[in-house]
Amino acid sequence: MLLENNSKSPSEFLYICLQLRIIHRRLQEHYQESIQNQKHTTVEYNMGLLVESLRSTSEILIWSDQHDSSVFDFFSEKNMLSYFLHIMRQKSGGSSFVCVQLLQTLNILFEDIRNETSLCKLMLT
């Protein structure tokens, strides 16, 4: 698992920030590729990458909720939830695994986020 312990060391914080930036870039590239190529389905070669990105996002945001809200702020500022919605709107050309992971990610977030501010940010994104 990405987040085995609950310590808040500077190196762990930097690692978490880097991971969320990488995920943001992946989601952004997926979005731009689907717009440029006018594809309304998730391409098979990047399904695994999307699933892992979504799974990691829930871990990162739960960590952020418990340790440092600035990570959650990045998620909100980059409007990453809009990428989730774009994925959900795509046709299920074999991407049902992606949609299932996306729904699991959202479910985990809404169940496990305890900070009211973080929950509001998630809902208003």
N, C-alpha and C. Protein backbone atom coordinates (compact mmCIF):
# COMPACT_ATOMS: atom_id res chain seq x y z
N MET A 1 0.83 -1.19 0.00
CA MET A 1 0.00 0.00 0.00
C MET A 1 0.87 1.25 0.00
N LEU A 2 0.32 2.29 -0.55
CA LEU A 2 1.04 3.54 -0.67
C LEU A 2 1.30 4.17 0.70
N LEU A 3 0.33 4.10 1.59
CA LEU A 3 0.43 4.78 2.88
C LEU A 3 0.36 3.77 4.02
N GLU A 4 1.47 3.19 4.37
CA GLU A 4 1.49 2.16 5.39
C GLU A 4 1.40 2.74 6.80
N ASN A 5 2.12 3.81 7.07
CA ASN A 5 2.08 4.36 8.42
C ASN A 5 1.44 5.74 8.40
N ASN A 6 1.12 6.22 9.57
CA ASN A 6 0.42 7.50 9.68
C ASN A 6 1.33 8.62 10.18
N SER A 7 2.61 8.48 10.03
CA SER A 7 3.51 9.54 10.47
C SER A 7 3.48 10.69 9.46
N LYS A 8 3.86 11.85 9.96
CA LYS A 8 3.86 13.03 9.10
C LYS A 8 5.28 13.56 9.00
N SER A 9 6.11 12.88 8.26
CA SER A 9 7.48 13.34 8.06
C SER A 9 7.53 14.20 6.81
N PRO A 10 8.50 15.10 6.73
CA PRO A 10 8.63 15.94 5.53
C PRO A 10 8.79 15.12 4.25
N SER A 11 9.54 14.03 4.34
CA SER A 11 9.73 13.22 3.14
C SER A 11 8.43 12.54 2.72
N GLU A 12 7.62 12.13 3.69
CA GLU A 12 6.33 11.51 3.36
C GLU A 12 5.41 12.55 2.71
N PHE A 13 5.41 13.75 3.25
CA PHE A 13 4.59 14.81 2.68
C PHE A 13 5.00 15.10 1.24
N LEU A 14 6.30 15.20 0.99
CA LEU A 14 6.79 15.46 -0.37
C LEU A 14 6.42 14.31 -1.31
N TYR A 15 6.52 13.09 -0.81
CA TYR A 15 6.16 11.92 -1.61
C TYR A 15 4.67 11.97 -1.98
N ILE A 16 3.83 12.30 -1.02
CA ILE A 16 2.38 12.38 -1.26
C ILE A 16 2.09 13.47 -2.29
N CYS A 17 2.71 14.62 -2.14
CA CYS A 17 2.50 15.72 -3.09
C CYS A 17 2.92 15.33 -4.50
N LEU A 18 4.06 14.68 -4.60
CA LEU A 18 4.54 14.23 -5.90
C LEU A 18 3.58 13.23 -6.52
N GLN A 19 3.09 12.29 -5.72
CA GLN A 19 2.16 11.29 -6.24
C GLN A 19 0.88 11.94 -6.77
N LEU A 20 0.36 12.92 -6.05
CA LEU A 20 -0.87 13.57 -6.50
C LEU A 20 -0.62 14.39 -7.76
N ARG A 21 0.54 15.00 -7.87
CA ARG A 21 0.88 15.72 -9.11
C ARG A 21 0.97 14.77 -10.30
N ILE A 22 1.56 13.61 -10.09
CA ILE A 22 1.65 12.62 -11.16
C ILE A 22 0.26 12.16 -11.57
N ILE A 23 -0.59 11.90 -10.61
CA ILE A 23 -1.96 11.48 -10.90
C ILE A 23 -2.70 12.58 -11.66
N HIS A 24 -2.52 13.82 -11.23
CA HIS A 24 -3.16 14.93 -11.93
C HIS A 24 -2.71 14.98 -13.38
N ARG A 25 -1.43 14.81 -13.60
CA ARG A 25 -0.90 14.83 -14.97
C ARG A 25 -1.49 13.68 -15.80
N ARG A 26 -1.59 12.49 -15.22
CA ARG A 26 -2.19 11.35 -15.93
C ARG A 26 -3.63 11.63 -16.32
N LEU A 27 -4.41 12.15 -15.37
CA LEU A 27 -5.82 12.43 -15.65
C LEU A 27 -5.95 13.53 -16.70
N GLN A 28 -5.09 14.52 -16.60
CA GLN A 28 -5.11 15.62 -17.56
C GLN A 28 -4.75 15.11 -18.96
N GLU A 29 -3.74 14.27 -19.05
CA GLU A 29 -3.36 13.71 -20.35
C GLU A 29 -4.46 12.84 -20.93
N HIS A 30 -5.11 12.06 -20.08
CA HIS A 30 -6.23 11.23 -20.54
C HIS A 30 -7.34 12.10 -21.10
N TYR A 31 -7.65 13.16 -20.38
CA TYR A 31 -8.70 14.09 -20.81
C TYR A 31 -8.33 14.74 -22.14
N GLN A 32 -7.12 15.27 -22.24
CA GLN A 32 -6.69 15.95 -23.46
C GLN A 32 -6.65 15.00 -24.65
N GLU A 33 -6.19 13.78 -24.42
CA GLU A 33 -6.15 12.79 -25.51
C GLU A 33 -7.55 12.47 -26.01
N SER A 34 -8.49 12.32 -25.09
CA SER A 34 -9.85 11.99 -25.51
C SER A 34 -10.51 13.15 -26.25
N ILE A 35 -10.16 14.37 -25.88
CA ILE A 35 -10.70 15.54 -26.58
C ILE A 35 -10.06 15.69 -27.96
N GLN A 36 -8.75 15.58 -28.02
CA GLN A 36 -8.03 15.75 -29.29
C GLN A 36 -8.42 14.69 -30.31
N ASN A 37 -8.54 13.45 -29.85
CA ASN A 37 -8.86 12.36 -30.76
C ASN A 37 -10.35 12.11 -30.88
N GLN A 38 -11.13 12.93 -30.19
CA GLN A 38 -12.58 12.81 -30.17
C GLN A 38 -13.00 11.40 -29.81
N LYS A 39 -12.27 10.81 -28.87
CA LYS A 39 -12.61 9.48 -28.38
C LYS A 39 -13.50 9.63 -27.17
N HIS A 40 -14.54 8.87 -27.17
CA HIS A 40 -15.45 8.92 -26.03
C HIS A 40 -15.42 7.61 -25.26
N THR A 41 -14.34 6.88 -25.43
CA THR A 41 -14.13 5.65 -24.67
C THR A 41 -12.73 5.69 -24.07
N THR A 42 -12.55 4.93 -23.02
CA THR A 42 -11.25 4.83 -22.40
C THR A 42 -10.43 3.83 -23.19
N VAL A 43 -9.25 4.23 -23.62
CA VAL A 43 -8.39 3.36 -24.41
C VAL A 43 -7.87 2.24 -23.51
N GLU A 44 -7.85 1.04 -24.04
CA GLU A 44 -7.50 -0.14 -23.24
C GLU A 44 -6.11 -0.05 -22.62
N TYR A 45 -5.14 0.51 -23.35
CA TYR A 45 -3.78 0.52 -22.84
C TYR A 45 -3.61 1.38 -21.59
N ASN A 46 -4.49 2.34 -21.37
CA ASN A 46 -4.32 3.18 -20.18
C ASN A 46 -5.34 2.90 -19.09
N MET A 47 -6.15 1.84 -19.26
CA MET A 47 -7.14 1.51 -18.24
C MET A 47 -6.50 1.18 -16.90
N GLY A 48 -5.46 0.34 -16.92
CA GLY A 48 -4.80 -0.04 -15.68
C GLY A 48 -4.19 1.15 -14.97
N LEU A 49 -3.62 2.04 -15.74
CA LEU A 49 -3.03 3.25 -15.18
C LEU A 49 -4.09 4.14 -14.55
N LEU A 50 -5.23 4.26 -15.20
CA LEU A 50 -6.33 5.06 -14.64
C LEU A 50 -6.87 4.43 -13.36
N VAL A 51 -7.06 3.13 -13.37
CA VAL A 51 -7.56 2.44 -12.18
C VAL A 51 -6.62 2.66 -11.01
N GLU A 52 -5.32 2.48 -11.22
CA GLU A 52 -4.35 2.68 -10.15
C GLU A 52 -4.30 4.14 -9.70
N SER A 53 -4.44 5.06 -10.63
CA SER A 53 -4.45 6.49 -10.28
C SER A 53 -5.65 6.82 -9.40
N LEU A 54 -6.80 6.29 -9.73
CA LEU A 54 -8.01 6.55 -8.95
C LEU A 54 -7.88 5.93 -7.55
N ARG A 55 -7.37 4.71 -7.49
CA ARG A 55 -7.20 4.04 -6.20
C ARG A 55 -6.25 4.83 -5.31
N SER A 56 -5.14 5.26 -5.88
CA SER A 56 -4.17 6.03 -5.12
C SER A 56 -4.72 7.38 -4.67
N THR A 57 -5.58 7.97 -5.50
CA THR A 57 -6.17 9.25 -5.14
C THR A 57 -6.94 9.17 -3.84
N SER A 58 -7.71 8.10 -3.67
CA SER A 58 -8.48 7.98 -2.43
C SER A 58 -7.54 7.87 -1.23
N GLU A 59 -6.46 7.11 -1.34
CA GLU A 59 -5.51 6.99 -0.24
C GLU A 59 -4.87 8.33 0.08
N ILE A 60 -4.48 9.04 -0.95
CA ILE A 60 -3.82 10.34 -0.75
C ILE A 60 -4.76 11.34 -0.09
N LEU A 61 -5.99 11.39 -0.54
CA LEU A 61 -6.92 12.37 0.02
C LEU A 61 -7.33 12.02 1.45
N ILE A 62 -7.43 10.75 1.76
CA ILE A 62 -7.72 10.36 3.15
C ILE A 62 -6.53 10.75 4.04
N TRP A 63 -5.31 10.50 3.55
CA TRP A 63 -4.12 10.93 4.29
C TRP A 63 -4.15 12.44 4.51
N SER A 64 -4.47 13.17 3.46
CA SER A 64 -4.52 14.63 3.54
C SER A 64 -5.55 15.09 4.56
N ASP A 65 -6.69 14.45 4.57
CA ASP A 65 -7.75 14.80 5.51
C ASP A 65 -7.26 14.63 6.96
N GLN A 66 -6.42 13.65 7.19
CA GLN A 66 -5.96 13.35 8.54
C GLN A 66 -4.68 14.09 8.93
N HIS A 67 -3.90 14.55 7.93
CA HIS A 67 -2.58 15.10 8.26
C HIS A 67 -2.33 16.52 7.75
N ASP A 68 -2.64 16.79 6.50
CA ASP A 68 -2.26 18.08 5.94
C ASP A 68 -3.23 18.46 4.82
N SER A 69 -4.06 19.43 5.08
CA SER A 69 -5.12 19.80 4.14
C SER A 69 -4.59 20.45 2.86
N SER A 70 -3.34 20.86 2.83
CA SER A 70 -2.82 21.50 1.63
C SER A 70 -2.81 20.53 0.44
N VAL A 71 -2.67 19.25 0.70
CA VAL A 71 -2.73 18.26 -0.37
C VAL A 71 -4.14 18.22 -0.94
N PHE A 72 -5.11 18.26 -0.07
CA PHE A 72 -6.51 18.29 -0.49
C PHE A 72 -6.80 19.57 -1.26
N ASP A 73 -6.17 20.65 -0.85
CA ASP A 73 -6.34 21.92 -1.56
C ASP A 73 -5.87 21.81 -3.00
N PHE A 74 -4.77 21.12 -3.21
CA PHE A 74 -4.26 20.92 -4.57
C PHE A 74 -5.30 20.17 -5.41
N PHE A 75 -5.88 19.13 -4.85
CA PHE A 75 -6.92 18.37 -5.55
C PHE A 75 -8.07 19.29 -5.96
N SER A 76 -8.47 20.16 -5.06
CA SER A 76 -9.57 21.09 -5.34
C SER A 76 -9.17 22.15 -6.35
N GLU A 77 -8.01 22.75 -6.16
CA GLU A 77 -7.55 23.82 -7.05
C GLU A 77 -7.40 23.35 -8.49
N LYS A 78 -6.95 22.12 -8.66
CA LYS A 78 -6.76 21.56 -10.00
C LYS A 78 -8.05 20.96 -10.56
N ASN A 79 -9.12 21.08 -9.79
CA ASN A 79 -10.44 20.61 -10.23
C ASN A 79 -10.38 19.16 -10.72
N MET A 80 -9.72 18.33 -9.96
CA MET A 80 -9.51 16.95 -10.38
C MET A 80 -10.80 16.13 -10.42
N LEU A 81 -11.78 16.54 -9.66
CA LEU A 81 -13.06 15.84 -9.71
C LEU A 81 -13.70 15.94 -11.09
N SER A 82 -13.42 17.02 -11.81
CA SER A 82 -13.96 17.16 -13.17
C SER A 82 -13.42 16.07 -14.09
N TYR A 83 -12.17 15.64 -13.86
CA TYR A 83 -11.62 14.54 -14.65
C TYR A 83 -12.35 13.23 -14.33
N PHE A 84 -12.71 13.07 -13.06
CA PHE A 84 -13.48 11.88 -12.67
C PHE A 84 -14.80 11.86 -13.43
N LEU A 85 -15.46 13.00 -13.48
CA LEU A 85 -16.75 13.07 -14.18
C LEU A 85 -16.59 12.81 -15.67
N HIS A 86 -15.51 13.29 -16.24
CA HIS A 86 -15.25 13.04 -17.66
C HIS A 86 -15.10 11.54 -17.91
N ILE A 87 -14.38 10.86 -17.04
CA ILE A 87 -14.21 9.42 -17.18
C ILE A 87 -15.55 8.70 -17.09
N MET A 88 -16.38 9.13 -16.15
CA MET A 88 -17.70 8.49 -15.99
C MET A 88 -18.57 8.68 -17.22
N ARG A 89 -18.41 9.79 -17.91
CA ARG A 89 -19.24 10.07 -19.09
C ARG A 89 -18.80 9.30 -20.32
N GLN A 90 -17.59 8.78 -20.28
CA GLN A 90 -17.09 8.04 -21.44
C GLN A 90 -17.84 6.73 -21.58
N LYS A 91 -17.95 6.29 -22.82
CA LYS A 91 -18.61 5.01 -23.08
C LYS A 91 -17.81 3.89 -22.44
N SER A 92 -18.50 2.83 -22.15
CA SER A 92 -17.89 1.72 -21.43
C SER A 92 -17.19 0.75 -22.37
N GLY A 93 -16.43 1.24 -23.31
CA GLY A 93 -15.71 0.38 -24.25
C GLY A 93 -14.65 -0.43 -23.54
N GLY A 94 -15.07 -1.30 -22.65
CA GLY A 94 -14.12 -2.09 -21.87
C GLY A 94 -13.65 -1.37 -20.62
N SER A 95 -14.15 -0.17 -20.39
CA SER A 95 -13.66 0.63 -19.26
C SER A 95 -14.53 0.47 -18.02
N SER A 96 -15.32 -0.60 -17.95
CA SER A 96 -16.16 -0.77 -16.77
C SER A 96 -15.31 -0.90 -15.51
N PHE A 97 -14.09 -1.46 -15.63
CA PHE A 97 -13.19 -1.54 -14.47
C PHE A 97 -12.84 -0.15 -13.97
N VAL A 98 -12.66 0.78 -14.89
CA VAL A 98 -12.34 2.15 -14.53
C VAL A 98 -13.52 2.78 -13.81
N CYS A 99 -14.72 2.60 -14.33
CA CYS A 99 -15.91 3.18 -13.70
C CYS A 99 -16.16 2.58 -12.32
N VAL A 100 -15.94 1.27 -12.18
CA VAL A 100 -16.11 0.63 -10.87
C VAL A 100 -15.11 1.22 -9.88
N GLN A 101 -13.86 1.37 -10.30
CA GLN A 101 -12.85 1.95 -9.41
C GLN A 101 -13.19 3.39 -9.06
N LEU A 102 -13.69 4.13 -10.01
CA LEU A 102 -14.07 5.51 -9.76
C LEU A 102 -15.18 5.59 -8.72
N LEU A 103 -16.18 4.75 -8.86
CA LEU A 103 -17.27 4.73 -7.87
C LEU A 103 -16.76 4.28 -6.50
N GLN A 104 -15.85 3.32 -6.47
CA GLN A 104 -15.26 2.90 -5.19
C GLN A 104 -14.46 4.04 -4.56
N THR A 105 -13.72 4.75 -5.38
CA THR A 105 -12.92 5.88 -4.90
C THR A 105 -13.82 6.94 -4.27
N LEU A 106 -14.88 7.30 -4.98
CA LEU A 106 -15.81 8.31 -4.44
C LEU A 106 -16.48 7.82 -3.17
N ASN A 107 -16.86 6.57 -3.14
CA ASN A 107 -17.48 6.01 -1.95
C ASN A 107 -16.52 6.06 -0.76
N ILE A 108 -15.29 5.67 -0.97
CA ILE A 108 -14.29 5.71 0.10
C ILE A 108 -14.10 7.14 0.60
N LEU A 109 -14.03 8.08 -0.32
CA LEU A 109 -13.83 9.47 0.08
C LEU A 109 -14.99 9.98 0.92
N PHE A 110 -16.20 9.74 0.47
CA PHE A 110 -17.35 10.26 1.21
C PHE A 110 -17.56 9.54 2.54
N GLU A 111 -17.13 8.30 2.63
CA GLU A 111 -17.26 7.56 3.89
C GLU A 111 -16.17 7.91 4.89
N ASP A 112 -14.95 8.11 4.41
CA ASP A 112 -13.81 8.20 5.32
C ASP A 112 -13.30 9.60 5.61
N ILE A 113 -13.71 10.59 4.86
CA ILE A 113 -13.27 11.95 5.15
C ILE A 113 -14.00 12.45 6.38
N ARG A 114 -13.24 12.90 7.36
CA ARG A 114 -13.81 13.34 8.64
C ARG A 114 -13.84 14.86 8.79
N ASN A 115 -12.93 15.53 8.14
CA ASN A 115 -12.84 16.98 8.24
C ASN A 115 -13.96 17.61 7.40
N GLU A 116 -14.80 18.39 8.04
CA GLU A 116 -15.94 18.98 7.33
C GLU A 116 -15.49 19.91 6.21
N THR A 117 -14.41 20.62 6.40
CA THR A 117 -13.90 21.52 5.36
C THR A 117 -13.50 20.72 4.13
N SER A 118 -12.81 19.62 4.34
CA SER A 118 -12.41 18.77 3.22
C SER A 118 -13.62 18.20 2.48
N LEU A 119 -14.60 17.79 3.25
CA LEU A 119 -15.82 17.24 2.64
C LEU A 119 -16.54 18.31 1.82
N CYS A 120 -16.60 19.52 2.34
CA CYS A 120 -17.23 20.62 1.59
C CYS A 120 -16.45 20.92 0.31
N LYS A 121 -15.13 20.92 0.41
CA LYS A 121 -14.31 21.16 -0.78
C LYS A 121 -14.56 20.09 -1.84
N LEU A 122 -14.69 18.86 -1.40
CA LEU A 122 -14.94 17.77 -2.33
C LEU A 122 -16.29 17.94 -3.00
N MET A 123 -17.28 18.34 -2.26
CA MET A 123 -18.63 18.48 -2.81
C MET A 123 -18.75 19.71 -3.70
N LEU A 124 -17.95 20.74 -3.44
CA LEU A 124 -18.04 21.98 -4.21
C LEU A 124 -17.09 22.02 -5.40
N THR A 125 -16.24 21.02 -5.50
CA THR A 125 -15.27 21.00 -6.60
C THR A 125 -15.94 20.82 -7.92
